[in-house]
N, C-alpha and C. Protein backbone atom coordinates (compact mmCIF):
# COMPACT_ATOMS: atom_id res chain seq x y z
N MET A 1 8.17 14.61 4.65
CA MET A 1 7.75 13.25 4.43
C MET A 1 6.36 13.24 3.80
N SER A 2 6.16 12.32 2.88
CA SER A 2 4.86 12.11 2.25
C SER A 2 4.45 10.66 2.47
N THR A 3 3.15 10.44 2.54
CA THR A 3 2.63 9.09 2.77
C THR A 3 1.70 8.70 1.64
N LEU A 4 1.94 7.53 1.09
CA LEU A 4 1.00 6.93 0.15
C LEU A 4 0.04 6.10 0.99
N HIS A 5 -1.21 6.53 1.04
CA HIS A 5 -2.25 5.88 1.84
C HIS A 5 -3.09 5.02 0.90
N ILE A 6 -3.22 3.73 1.24
CA ILE A 6 -3.95 2.78 0.41
C ILE A 6 -4.95 2.03 1.29
N GLU A 7 -6.17 1.90 0.80
CA GLU A 7 -7.20 1.11 1.50
C GLU A 7 -7.89 0.22 0.49
N HIS A 8 -8.15 -1.03 0.90
CA HIS A 8 -8.94 -1.91 0.02
C HIS A 8 -9.36 -3.18 0.75
N PRO A 9 -10.45 -3.79 0.28
CA PRO A 9 -10.86 -5.08 0.83
C PRO A 9 -9.92 -6.19 0.34
N ILE A 10 -9.79 -7.23 1.16
CA ILE A 10 -8.98 -8.38 0.81
C ILE A 10 -9.78 -9.65 1.04
N SER A 11 -9.37 -10.72 0.38
CA SER A 11 -10.05 -11.99 0.57
C SER A 11 -9.43 -12.78 1.72
N ASP A 12 -8.13 -12.55 1.98
CA ASP A 12 -7.44 -13.34 2.99
C ASP A 12 -6.16 -12.61 3.40
N LEU A 13 -5.96 -12.40 4.70
CA LEU A 13 -4.79 -11.66 5.17
C LEU A 13 -3.49 -12.41 4.89
N THR A 14 -3.46 -13.71 5.09
CA THR A 14 -2.23 -14.48 4.88
C THR A 14 -1.77 -14.38 3.42
N THR A 15 -2.69 -14.52 2.49
CA THR A 15 -2.37 -14.42 1.07
C THR A 15 -1.93 -13.01 0.71
N TRP A 16 -2.66 -12.02 1.23
CA TRP A 16 -2.29 -10.62 0.97
C TRP A 16 -0.90 -10.32 1.49
N LYS A 17 -0.62 -10.73 2.73
CA LYS A 17 0.67 -10.43 3.35
C LYS A 17 1.81 -11.11 2.61
N ALA A 18 1.62 -12.32 2.12
CA ALA A 18 2.66 -13.01 1.34
C ALA A 18 2.96 -12.23 0.07
N ALA A 19 1.92 -11.72 -0.61
CA ALA A 19 2.13 -10.92 -1.82
C ALA A 19 2.82 -9.61 -1.47
N PHE A 20 2.41 -8.97 -0.39
CA PHE A 20 3.04 -7.73 0.07
C PHE A 20 4.52 -7.95 0.34
N ASP A 21 4.84 -9.03 1.02
CA ASP A 21 6.24 -9.32 1.38
C ASP A 21 7.12 -9.58 0.15
N ARG A 22 6.55 -10.15 -0.90
CA ARG A 22 7.32 -10.40 -2.12
C ARG A 22 7.86 -9.10 -2.74
N PHE A 23 7.18 -8.00 -2.49
CA PHE A 23 7.58 -6.72 -3.08
C PHE A 23 8.45 -5.88 -2.14
N ALA A 24 8.97 -6.45 -1.07
CA ALA A 24 9.82 -5.70 -0.13
C ALA A 24 11.03 -5.09 -0.83
N PRO A 25 11.75 -5.81 -1.69
CA PRO A 25 12.89 -5.19 -2.37
C PRO A 25 12.49 -4.01 -3.26
N VAL A 26 11.35 -4.11 -3.91
CA VAL A 26 10.87 -3.02 -4.77
C VAL A 26 10.53 -1.81 -3.92
N ARG A 27 9.89 -2.03 -2.79
CA ARG A 27 9.57 -0.90 -1.90
C ARG A 27 10.85 -0.20 -1.45
N GLN A 28 11.84 -0.97 -1.06
CA GLN A 28 13.09 -0.37 -0.61
C GLN A 28 13.76 0.42 -1.74
N GLN A 29 13.81 -0.14 -2.94
CA GLN A 29 14.43 0.54 -4.08
C GLN A 29 13.64 1.77 -4.49
N SER A 30 12.34 1.80 -4.19
CA SER A 30 11.48 2.92 -4.58
C SER A 30 11.46 4.04 -3.55
N GLY A 31 12.17 3.87 -2.46
CA GLY A 31 12.27 4.94 -1.49
C GLY A 31 11.32 4.86 -0.31
N VAL A 32 10.65 3.71 -0.12
CA VAL A 32 9.78 3.58 1.05
C VAL A 32 10.64 3.57 2.30
N ARG A 33 10.39 4.52 3.20
CA ARG A 33 11.16 4.65 4.44
C ARG A 33 10.59 3.78 5.55
N SER A 34 9.28 3.67 5.60
CA SER A 34 8.61 2.83 6.60
C SER A 34 7.20 2.55 6.10
N HIS A 35 6.57 1.56 6.73
CA HIS A 35 5.19 1.27 6.37
C HIS A 35 4.42 0.85 7.62
N ARG A 36 3.10 1.03 7.53
CA ARG A 36 2.18 0.61 8.58
C ARG A 36 1.04 -0.13 7.92
N ILE A 37 0.74 -1.31 8.42
CA ILE A 37 -0.39 -2.11 7.95
C ILE A 37 -1.40 -2.15 9.10
N GLN A 38 -2.61 -1.75 8.81
CA GLN A 38 -3.67 -1.76 9.81
C GLN A 38 -4.94 -2.31 9.20
N ARG A 39 -5.85 -2.70 10.07
CA ARG A 39 -7.17 -3.09 9.59
C ARG A 39 -8.20 -2.74 10.65
N PRO A 40 -9.40 -2.46 10.23
CA PRO A 40 -10.45 -2.11 11.19
C PRO A 40 -10.73 -3.29 12.13
N VAL A 41 -10.99 -3.01 13.39
CA VAL A 41 -11.28 -4.07 14.35
C VAL A 41 -12.56 -4.82 14.00
N ASN A 42 -13.45 -4.19 13.28
CA ASN A 42 -14.72 -4.83 12.93
C ASN A 42 -14.75 -5.37 11.50
N ASP A 43 -13.61 -5.36 10.80
CA ASP A 43 -13.58 -5.86 9.43
C ASP A 43 -12.20 -6.45 9.11
N PRO A 44 -11.98 -7.72 9.44
CA PRO A 44 -10.67 -8.32 9.20
C PRO A 44 -10.33 -8.51 7.72
N ARG A 45 -11.27 -8.23 6.84
CA ARG A 45 -11.03 -8.38 5.41
C ARG A 45 -10.88 -7.03 4.71
N TYR A 46 -10.31 -6.08 5.45
CA TYR A 46 -10.05 -4.75 4.90
C TYR A 46 -8.68 -4.31 5.39
N ILE A 47 -7.87 -3.76 4.50
CA ILE A 47 -6.50 -3.36 4.82
C ILE A 47 -6.35 -1.86 4.63
N VAL A 48 -5.63 -1.24 5.56
CA VAL A 48 -5.23 0.15 5.45
C VAL A 48 -3.71 0.15 5.52
N LEU A 49 -3.08 0.66 4.48
CA LEU A 49 -1.63 0.62 4.36
C LEU A 49 -1.10 2.04 4.15
N ASP A 50 -0.10 2.41 4.93
CA ASP A 50 0.58 3.68 4.77
C ASP A 50 2.04 3.43 4.48
N LEU A 51 2.52 3.99 3.37
CA LEU A 51 3.92 3.87 2.95
C LEU A 51 4.53 5.27 2.99
N ASP A 52 5.60 5.45 3.74
CA ASP A 52 6.21 6.76 3.91
C ASP A 52 7.39 6.95 2.96
N PHE A 53 7.45 8.13 2.33
CA PHE A 53 8.49 8.50 1.37
C PHE A 53 9.06 9.87 1.76
N ASP A 54 10.20 10.20 1.19
CA ASP A 54 10.79 11.52 1.42
C ASP A 54 10.06 12.62 0.67
N SER A 55 9.40 12.28 -0.45
CA SER A 55 8.77 13.31 -1.28
C SER A 55 7.47 12.82 -1.91
N PRO A 56 6.60 13.76 -2.28
CA PRO A 56 5.38 13.38 -3.00
C PRO A 56 5.69 12.74 -4.35
N ALA A 57 6.78 13.16 -4.99
CA ALA A 57 7.12 12.58 -6.30
C ALA A 57 7.45 11.10 -6.18
N GLU A 58 8.17 10.72 -5.12
CA GLU A 58 8.47 9.30 -4.91
C GLU A 58 7.20 8.51 -4.64
N ALA A 59 6.31 9.07 -3.84
CA ALA A 59 5.04 8.42 -3.55
C ALA A 59 4.21 8.25 -4.82
N ALA A 60 4.17 9.28 -5.66
CA ALA A 60 3.42 9.21 -6.91
C ALA A 60 4.01 8.18 -7.86
N ALA A 61 5.31 8.10 -7.93
CA ALA A 61 5.96 7.11 -8.80
C ALA A 61 5.65 5.70 -8.32
N PHE A 62 5.65 5.49 -7.01
CA PHE A 62 5.34 4.15 -6.50
C PHE A 62 3.87 3.82 -6.71
N LEU A 63 3.00 4.80 -6.56
CA LEU A 63 1.58 4.57 -6.84
C LEU A 63 1.39 4.14 -8.29
N GLU A 64 2.07 4.78 -9.21
CA GLU A 64 1.98 4.39 -10.62
C GLU A 64 2.46 2.95 -10.81
N PHE A 65 3.55 2.58 -10.15
CA PHE A 65 4.03 1.19 -10.21
C PHE A 65 2.95 0.23 -9.70
N MET A 66 2.34 0.56 -8.58
CA MET A 66 1.30 -0.31 -8.02
C MET A 66 0.12 -0.46 -8.99
N GLN A 67 -0.27 0.64 -9.60
CA GLN A 67 -1.41 0.61 -10.52
C GLN A 67 -1.11 -0.20 -11.78
N THR A 68 0.09 -0.06 -12.32
CA THR A 68 0.39 -0.69 -13.61
C THR A 68 0.98 -2.09 -13.49
N LYS A 69 1.69 -2.37 -12.41
CA LYS A 69 2.39 -3.65 -12.30
C LYS A 69 1.82 -4.60 -11.25
N VAL A 70 1.17 -4.08 -10.25
CA VAL A 70 0.70 -4.94 -9.17
C VAL A 70 -0.81 -5.15 -9.25
N TRP A 71 -1.58 -4.09 -9.09
CA TRP A 71 -3.02 -4.23 -9.02
C TRP A 71 -3.64 -4.67 -10.34
N SER A 72 -2.97 -4.46 -11.43
CA SER A 72 -3.50 -4.87 -12.73
C SER A 72 -3.27 -6.35 -12.99
N SER A 73 -2.55 -7.03 -12.12
CA SER A 73 -2.19 -8.43 -12.32
C SER A 73 -2.73 -9.30 -11.18
N PRO A 74 -3.64 -10.21 -11.46
CA PRO A 74 -4.13 -11.10 -10.41
C PRO A 74 -3.02 -11.92 -9.76
N GLU A 75 -1.97 -12.24 -10.50
CA GLU A 75 -0.86 -12.99 -9.93
C GLU A 75 -0.11 -12.15 -8.89
N ASN A 76 -0.02 -10.84 -9.11
CA ASN A 76 0.71 -9.96 -8.20
C ASN A 76 -0.14 -9.44 -7.05
N SER A 77 -1.45 -9.54 -7.19
CA SER A 77 -2.35 -9.07 -6.13
C SER A 77 -3.46 -10.10 -5.89
N PRO A 78 -3.07 -11.30 -5.45
CA PRO A 78 -4.02 -12.41 -5.37
C PRO A 78 -5.15 -12.23 -4.36
N ALA A 79 -4.98 -11.40 -3.36
CA ALA A 79 -6.03 -11.26 -2.35
C ALA A 79 -6.83 -9.97 -2.49
N LEU A 80 -6.55 -9.19 -3.51
CA LEU A 80 -7.31 -7.96 -3.74
C LEU A 80 -8.75 -8.33 -4.03
N ALA A 81 -9.68 -7.74 -3.27
CA ALA A 81 -11.07 -8.19 -3.36
C ALA A 81 -12.06 -7.04 -3.52
N GLY A 82 -11.64 -5.98 -4.18
CA GLY A 82 -12.57 -4.88 -4.37
C GLY A 82 -11.85 -3.61 -4.77
N ASP A 83 -12.60 -2.52 -4.73
CA ASP A 83 -12.07 -1.24 -5.16
C ASP A 83 -11.04 -0.68 -4.18
N LEU A 84 -10.06 -0.02 -4.75
CA LEU A 84 -8.99 0.61 -3.99
C LEU A 84 -9.29 2.08 -3.77
N ARG A 85 -8.83 2.59 -2.64
CA ARG A 85 -8.83 4.03 -2.38
C ARG A 85 -7.39 4.40 -2.09
N THR A 86 -6.90 5.43 -2.75
CA THR A 86 -5.52 5.87 -2.52
C THR A 86 -5.48 7.39 -2.37
N ALA A 87 -4.46 7.86 -1.67
CA ALA A 87 -4.21 9.29 -1.53
C ALA A 87 -2.75 9.47 -1.16
N ILE A 88 -2.15 10.52 -1.67
CA ILE A 88 -0.81 10.90 -1.24
C ILE A 88 -0.99 12.04 -0.24
N LEU A 89 -0.50 11.80 0.97
CA LEU A 89 -0.72 12.71 2.09
C LEU A 89 0.56 13.40 2.50
N GLU A 90 0.42 14.63 2.96
CA GLU A 90 1.54 15.39 3.55
C GLU A 90 1.13 15.79 4.96
N PRO A 91 2.06 15.79 5.90
CA PRO A 91 1.70 16.15 7.27
C PRO A 91 1.32 17.61 7.39
N VAL A 92 0.36 17.86 8.22
CA VAL A 92 -0.05 19.22 8.58
C VAL A 92 0.38 19.50 10.01
N GLU A 93 0.14 18.52 10.88
CA GLU A 93 0.51 18.68 12.28
C GLU A 93 0.69 17.29 12.89
N SER A 94 1.61 17.20 13.82
CA SER A 94 1.84 15.96 14.54
C SER A 94 2.21 16.29 15.97
N GLN A 95 1.67 15.54 16.90
CA GLN A 95 2.00 15.77 18.33
C GLN A 95 2.50 14.50 18.93
């Protein structure tokens, strides 16, 4: 399993979540197996998102989609409020 890890500031959780939900069919078609949405307890305007895939290639393809079709469009990412940090992660150990 590989995880596409995304972090970024947002202007509003409700607006961000509505935009996130609109792309549920695309996530499913792109191979997202599960996702986790988190935010720091001391910063409600920051999102940490983990999307799980079967392979790094699927995660990389979805990251490219996000970069070219979602984050580049204010209509598709209305609550994006700053710089993004992304990484494709592979498990090393889990207990």
